[in-house]
Amino acid sequence: MLVALVLGTTGYQALWGDHSPPDIRLEIESVSRRSGGYLVLFTALNRGGSPAEGVVVEARAGDGAAAERSQTTLDYLPAHSRRRGGLYVSTDPSQPGFSLRALGYERP
């Protein structure tokens, strides 16, 4: 009975499940002062029906050529899930012009 349930659930998901592309949203959880800068902890949410691999997350502070950038990569972000990460920056994230965004991903 358990095998039939697993096969039935898998078959249902394969035929009628959500196969929409990844929909990645980033939320800043906290900012803390560290030696030489700040640590920005974030949560990446994938609200889409497909997983994302190699999700590149960028923090940017300031504008123009003097803008500071910091990046990290999340190895795998399953569909309808969340992962946490952190970025180090030297500029105070509470200042205007700070942004956090996903730059891209790969399809597994």
C-alpha atoms as a PDB file:
ATOM      1  CA  MET A   1       0.000   0.000   0.000  1.00  0.00           C
ATOM      2  CA  LEU A   2       2.866   2.358   0.807  1.00  0.00           C
ATOM      3  CA  VAL A   3       4.503   1.666  -2.564  1.00  0.00           C
ATOM      4  CA  ALA A   4       1.214   2.374  -4.360  1.00  0.00           C
ATOM      5  CA  LEU A   5       0.853   5.654  -2.465  1.00  0.00           C
ATOM      6  CA  VAL A   6       4.392   6.764  -3.390  1.00  0.00           C
ATOM      7  CA  LEU A   7       3.906   5.798  -7.052  1.00  0.00           C
ATOM      8  CA  GLY A   8       0.525   7.517  -7.169  1.00  0.00           C
ATOM      9  CA  THR A   9       1.869  10.740  -5.649  1.00  0.00           C
ATOM     10  CA  THR A  10       4.888  10.748  -7.966  1.00  0.00           C
ATOM     11  CA  GLY A  11       2.707  10.121 -11.019  1.00  0.00           C
ATOM     12  CA  TYR A  12       0.296  12.878 -10.027  1.00  0.00           C
ATOM     13  CA  GLN A  13       3.121  15.386  -9.582  1.00  0.00           C
ATOM     14  CA  ALA A  14       4.684  14.394 -12.917  1.00  0.00           C
ATOM     15  CA  LEU A  15       1.420  14.872 -14.819  1.00  0.00           C
ATOM     16  CA  TRP A  16      -0.416  17.671 -13.020  1.00  0.00           C
ATOM     17  CA  GLY A  17       2.111  19.216 -10.612  1.00  0.00           C
ATOM     18  CA  ASP A  18       3.375  22.789 -10.670  1.00  0.00           C
ATOM     19  CA  HIS A  19       6.147  23.063 -13.301  1.00  0.00           C
ATOM     20  CA  SER A  20       6.393  26.847 -13.319  1.00  0.00           C
ATOM     21  CA  PRO A  21       9.909  28.352 -13.479  1.00  0.00           C
ATOM     22  CA  PRO A  22      11.697  29.316 -10.268  1.00  0.00           C
ATOM     23  CA  ASP A  23      10.348  32.488  -8.645  1.00  0.00           C
ATOM     24  CA  ILE A  24      13.158  33.615  -6.339  1.00  0.00           C
ATOM     25  CA  ARG A  25      12.518  36.264  -3.695  1.00  0.00           C
ATOM     26  CA  LEU A  26      15.072  37.508  -1.171  1.00  0.00           C
ATOM     27  CA  GLU A  27      14.353  38.776   2.324  1.00  0.00           C
ATOM     28  CA  ILE A  28      16.907  40.356   4.644  1.00  0.00           C
ATOM     29  CA  GLU A  29      16.686  38.604   8.013  1.00  0.00           C
ATOM     30  CA  SER A  30      19.254  40.621   9.974  1.00  0.00           C
ATOM     31  CA  VAL A  31      22.274  42.886   9.724  1.00  0.00           C
ATOM     32  CA  SER A  32      25.078  42.760  12.271  1.00  0.00           C
ATOM     33  CA  ARG A  33      28.297  44.701  12.651  1.00  0.00           C
ATOM     34  CA  ARG A  34      31.480  42.675  12.145  1.00  0.00           C
ATOM     35  CA  SER A  35      35.129  43.672  12.102  1.00  0.00           C
ATOM     36  CA  GLY A  36      35.705  45.497   8.840  1.00  0.00           C
ATOM     37  CA  GLY A  37      32.042  45.716   7.859  1.00  0.00           C
ATOM     38  CA  TYR A  38      28.623  44.128   8.158  1.00  0.00           C
ATOM     39  CA  LEU A  39      27.115  40.672   7.830  1.00  0.00           C
ATOM     40  CA  VAL A  40      23.774  40.606   6.001  1.00  0.00           C
ATOM     41  CA  LEU A  41      21.830  37.392   6.670  1.00  0.00           C
ATOM     42  CA  PHE A  42      19.086  36.640   4.146  1.00  0.00           C
ATOM     43  CA  THR A  43      16.500  34.045   3.212  1.00  0.00           C
ATOM     44  CA  ALA A  44      15.996  33.018  -0.417  1.00  0.00           C
ATOM     45  CA  LEU A  45      12.460  31.800  -1.187  1.00  0.00           C
ATOM     46  CA  ASN A  46      11.612  29.832  -4.304  1.00  0.00           C
ATOM     47  CA  ARG A  47       7.890  30.181  -4.866  1.00  0.00           C
ATOM     48  CA  GLY A  48       8.039  28.551  -8.286  1.00  0.00           C
ATOM     49  CA  GLY A  49       7.332  24.941  -9.173  1.00  0.00           C
ATOM     50  CA  SER A  50      10.828  24.134 -10.467  1.00  0.00           C
ATOM     51  CA  PRO A  51      14.111  23.961  -8.572  1.00  0.00           C
ATOM     52  CA  ALA A  52      17.033  26.316  -9.176  1.00  0.00           C
ATOM     53  CA  GLU A  53      20.702  25.409  -9.015  1.00  0.00           C
ATOM     54  CA  GLY A  54      23.677  27.738  -8.604  1.00  0.00           C
ATOM     55  CA  VAL A  55      21.554  30.732  -7.528  1.00  0.00           C
ATOM     56  CA  VAL A  56      23.814  33.814  -7.550  1.00  0.00           C
ATOM     57  CA  VAL A  57      22.811  36.412  -4.938  1.00  0.00           C
ATOM     58  CA  GLU A  58      24.270  39.928  -5.079  1.00  0.00           C
ATOM     59  CA  ALA A  59      24.326  42.705  -2.500  1.00  0.00           C
ATOM     60  CA  ARG A  60      24.980  46.163  -3.901  1.00  0.00           C
ATOM     61  CA  ALA A  61      25.624  49.379  -1.991  1.00  0.00           C
ATOM     62  CA  GLY A  62      25.915  52.789  -3.625  1.00  0.00           C
ATOM     63  CA  ASP A  63      25.625  53.897  -7.240  1.00  0.00           C
ATOM     64  CA  GLY A  64      27.860  54.210 -10.271  1.00  0.00           C
ATOM     65  CA  ALA A  65      31.485  53.157 -10.512  1.00  0.00           C
ATOM     66  CA  ALA A  66      31.979  53.447  -6.742  1.00  0.00           C
ATOM     67  CA  ALA A  67      29.259  50.902  -5.967  1.00  0.00           C
ATOM     68  CA  GLU A  68      30.296  48.028  -3.725  1.00  0.00           C
ATOM     69  CA  ARG A  69      29.226  44.519  -4.711  1.00  0.00           C
ATOM     70  CA  SER A  70      29.306  41.250  -2.834  1.00  0.00           C
ATOM     71  CA  GLN A  71      28.105  37.874  -4.147  1.00  0.00           C
ATOM     72  CA  THR A  72      27.402  34.381  -2.916  1.00  0.00           C
ATOM     73  CA  THR A  73      26.005  31.279  -4.581  1.00  0.00           C
ATOM     74  CA  LEU A  74      23.334  28.945  -3.224  1.00  0.00           C
ATOM     75  CA  ASP A  75      24.061  25.472  -4.571  1.00  0.00           C
ATOM     76  CA  TYR A  76      20.450  24.274  -4.766  1.00  0.00           C
ATOM     77  CA  LEU A  77      17.067  25.845  -4.079  1.00  0.00           C
ATOM     78  CA  PRO A  78      14.221  23.307  -4.376  1.00  0.00           C
ATOM     79  CA  ALA A  79      10.750  24.277  -5.589  1.00  0.00           C
ATOM     80  CA  HIS A  80       8.510  25.813  -2.918  1.00  0.00           C
ATOM     81  CA  SER A  81      11.347  26.040  -0.390  1.00  0.00           C
ATOM     82  CA  ARG A  82      13.739  28.412   1.365  1.00  0.00           C
ATOM     83  CA  ARG A  83      17.460  28.553   2.045  1.00  0.00           C
ATOM     84  CA  ARG A  84      19.456  30.928   4.223  1.00  0.00           C
ATOM     85  CA  GLY A  85      22.749  32.624   3.436  1.00  0.00           C
ATOM     86  CA  GLY A  86      24.903  35.590   4.306  1.00  0.00           C
ATOM     87  CA  LEU A  87      26.971  38.278   2.613  1.00  0.00           C
ATOM     88  CA  TYR A  88      29.743  40.472   3.975  1.00  0.00           C
ATOM     89  CA  VAL A  89      29.769  44.131   2.949  1.00  0.00           C
ATOM     90  CA  SER A  90      31.823  47.083   4.157  1.00  0.00           C
ATOM     91  CA  THR A  91      29.080  49.676   3.602  1.00  0.00           C
ATOM     92  CA  ASP A  92      26.243  50.044   6.126  1.00  0.00           C
ATOM     93  CA  PRO A  93      23.195  48.273   4.567  1.00  0.00           C
ATOM     94  CA  SER A  94      20.814  50.694   6.297  1.00  0.00           C
ATOM     95  CA  GLN A  95      22.070  53.496   4.015  1.00  0.00           C
ATOM     96  CA  PRO A  96      20.044  54.433   0.905  1.00  0.00           C
ATOM     97  CA  GLY A  97      21.013  52.591  -2.248  1.00  0.00           C
ATOM     98  CA  PHE A  98      21.532  49.145  -0.694  1.00  0.00           C
ATOM     99  CA  SER A  99      19.915  46.301  -2.633  1.00  0.00           C
ATOM    100  CA  LEU A 100      19.842  42.520  -2.562  1.00  0.00           C
ATOM    101  CA  ARG A 101      18.878  40.557  -5.664  1.00  0.00           C
ATOM    102  CA  ALA A 102      19.183  37.214  -7.414  1.00  0.00           C
ATOM    103  CA  LEU A 103      21.300  37.524 -10.567  1.00  0.00           C
ATOM    104  CA  GLY A 104      20.534  34.147 -12.079  1.00  0.00           C
ATOM    105  CA  TYR A 105      20.339  30.381 -11.725  1.00  0.00           C
ATOM    106  CA  GLU A 106      20.816  27.149 -13.641  1.00  0.00           C
ATOM    107  CA  ARG A 107      18.244  24.476 -14.355  1.00  0.00           C
ATOM    108  CA  PRO A 108      19.212  21.206 -12.660  1.00  0.00           C
END
